[in-house]
Amino acid sequence: MSSTSETQLGEISLTEPTSLNNSPTAYGLGSFGLESAYKVFVGFYIFFYVDVLGLAVALAAVINIVFAIWDAVNDPLIGYLSDNTRTRWGRRRPWLLTGLPFYTGLL
């Protein structure tokens, strides 16, 4: 059999590219674990705000919107600062070491 008929039968060829390399599905699978953990957190904190704290659903939605706006402003700002930091330890390490005490304080 020729190599083209073998690859058509479902075998992966090491020399020919497969359609999975550039597929949106394969690209999206990389963030599946993080997104699924985030969705569990979102479901829990909405439940906590509404049922445990007794907030109105509209107020919980406003809190979510305020967080989204804060995140939309904060992430590019911190990214800009991190990208333009020039130290002898590198660009990211000073920011990681600065945040470490706060992170360990939360644990």
Protein backbone atom coordinates (compact mmCIF):
# COMPACT_ATOMS: atom_id res chain seq x y z
CA MET A 1 0.00 0.00 0.00
CA SER A 2 1.12 3.52 -0.62
CA SER A 3 1.74 6.03 2.17
CA THR A 4 -1.27 8.16 1.14
CA SER A 5 -3.72 5.28 1.52
CA GLU A 6 -2.27 4.47 4.95
CA THR A 7 -2.74 8.02 6.19
CA GLN A 8 -6.29 8.03 4.86
CA LEU A 9 -7.06 5.01 7.01
CA GLY A 10 -6.53 7.02 10.17
CA GLU A 11 -2.83 6.53 10.82
CA ILE A 12 -0.82 9.62 11.68
CA SER A 13 1.98 10.41 9.31
CA LEU A 14 5.14 11.95 10.72
CA THR A 15 5.98 13.66 7.44
CA GLU A 16 2.61 15.10 6.44
CA PRO A 17 0.80 17.70 8.56
CA THR A 18 -2.53 16.74 10.04
CA SER A 19 -5.59 18.94 10.18
CA LEU A 20 -5.48 18.90 13.99
CA ASN A 21 -2.35 21.06 14.11
CA ASN A 22 -4.13 24.30 13.24
CA SER A 23 -7.67 23.51 14.24
CA PRO A 24 -9.60 25.85 16.54
CA THR A 25 -10.65 22.85 18.61
CA ALA A 26 -7.06 21.90 19.39
CA TYR A 27 -6.28 25.52 20.21
CA GLY A 28 -9.26 25.77 22.56
CA LEU A 29 -8.43 22.55 24.39
CA GLY A 30 -5.40 24.27 25.91
CA SER A 31 -7.55 26.47 28.11
CA PHE A 32 -10.20 23.89 28.96
CA GLY A 33 -8.81 23.11 32.42
CA LEU A 34 -8.50 26.75 33.46
CA GLU A 35 -11.90 27.70 32.08
CA SER A 36 -13.66 24.78 33.74
CA ALA A 37 -12.15 25.70 37.11
CA TYR A 38 -13.18 29.32 36.56
CA LYS A 39 -16.77 28.33 35.76
CA VAL A 40 -16.97 26.31 38.97
CA PHE A 41 -15.74 29.35 40.90
CA VAL A 42 -18.26 31.66 39.19
CA GLY A 43 -21.09 29.29 39.99
CA PHE A 44 -20.04 29.14 43.62
CA TYR A 45 -19.57 32.85 44.20
CA ILE A 46 -22.92 33.75 42.63
CA PHE A 47 -24.53 31.19 44.94
CA PHE A 48 -22.58 32.64 47.89
CA TYR A 49 -23.53 36.25 47.11
CA VAL A 50 -27.22 35.53 46.59
CA ASP A 51 -28.01 32.70 49.02
CA VAL A 52 -25.49 33.12 51.84
CA LEU A 53 -24.97 36.88 51.93
CA GLY A 54 -28.52 37.64 50.83
CA LEU A 55 -27.61 40.11 48.10
CA ALA A 56 -30.02 40.81 45.28
CA VAL A 57 -29.22 39.16 41.98
CA ALA A 58 -28.89 42.60 40.36
CA LEU A 59 -26.30 43.63 42.95
CA ALA A 60 -24.35 40.42 42.37
CA ALA A 61 -24.40 41.21 38.64
CA VAL A 62 -23.13 44.75 39.31
CA ILE A 63 -20.28 43.32 41.39
CA ASN A 64 -19.42 41.00 38.50
CA ILE A 65 -19.46 43.93 36.02
CA VAL A 66 -17.25 46.07 38.26
CA PHE A 67 -14.77 43.20 38.51
CA ALA A 68 -14.80 42.76 34.71
CA ILE A 69 -14.08 46.48 34.19
CA TRP A 70 -11.30 46.38 36.78
CA ASP A 71 -9.84 43.33 35.07
CA ALA A 72 -10.05 44.98 31.63
CA VAL A 73 -8.05 47.98 32.91
CA ASN A 74 -5.70 46.20 35.28
CA ASP A 75 -4.49 43.33 33.06
CA PRO A 76 -3.10 45.45 30.19
CA LEU A 77 -1.54 47.88 32.68
CA ILE A 78 0.28 45.15 34.58
CA GLY A 79 1.25 43.52 31.27
CA TYR A 80 2.74 46.79 30.06
CA LEU A 81 4.68 47.27 33.29
CA SER A 82 5.90 43.68 33.23
CA ASP A 83 6.94 43.84 29.58
CA ASN A 84 8.89 47.06 30.08
CA THR A 85 10.65 46.11 33.31
CA ARG A 86 14.39 45.79 32.78
CA THR A 87 16.36 44.47 35.75
CA ARG A 88 19.33 42.21 36.16
CA TRP A 89 16.91 39.49 37.37
CA GLY A 90 14.81 39.68 34.19
CA ARG A 91 11.42 41.10 33.36
CA ARG A 92 9.08 38.86 35.33
CA ARG A 93 11.00 37.73 38.41
CA PRO A 94 10.79 41.06 40.34
CA TRP A 95 7.00 41.09 39.90
CA LEU A 96 6.69 37.48 41.00
CA LEU A 97 8.86 38.06 44.05
CA THR A 98 6.91 41.23 44.93
CA GLY A 99 3.61 39.35 44.80
CA LEU A 100 4.87 36.28 46.66
CA PRO A 101 4.31 37.63 50.23
CA PHE A 102 0.77 38.67 49.36
CA TYR A 103 0.03 35.28 47.82
CA THR A 104 1.44 33.35 50.78
CA GLY A 105 -0.46 35.67 53.15
CA LEU A 106 -3.72 34.62 51.49
CA LEU A 107 -2.96 30.94 51.92
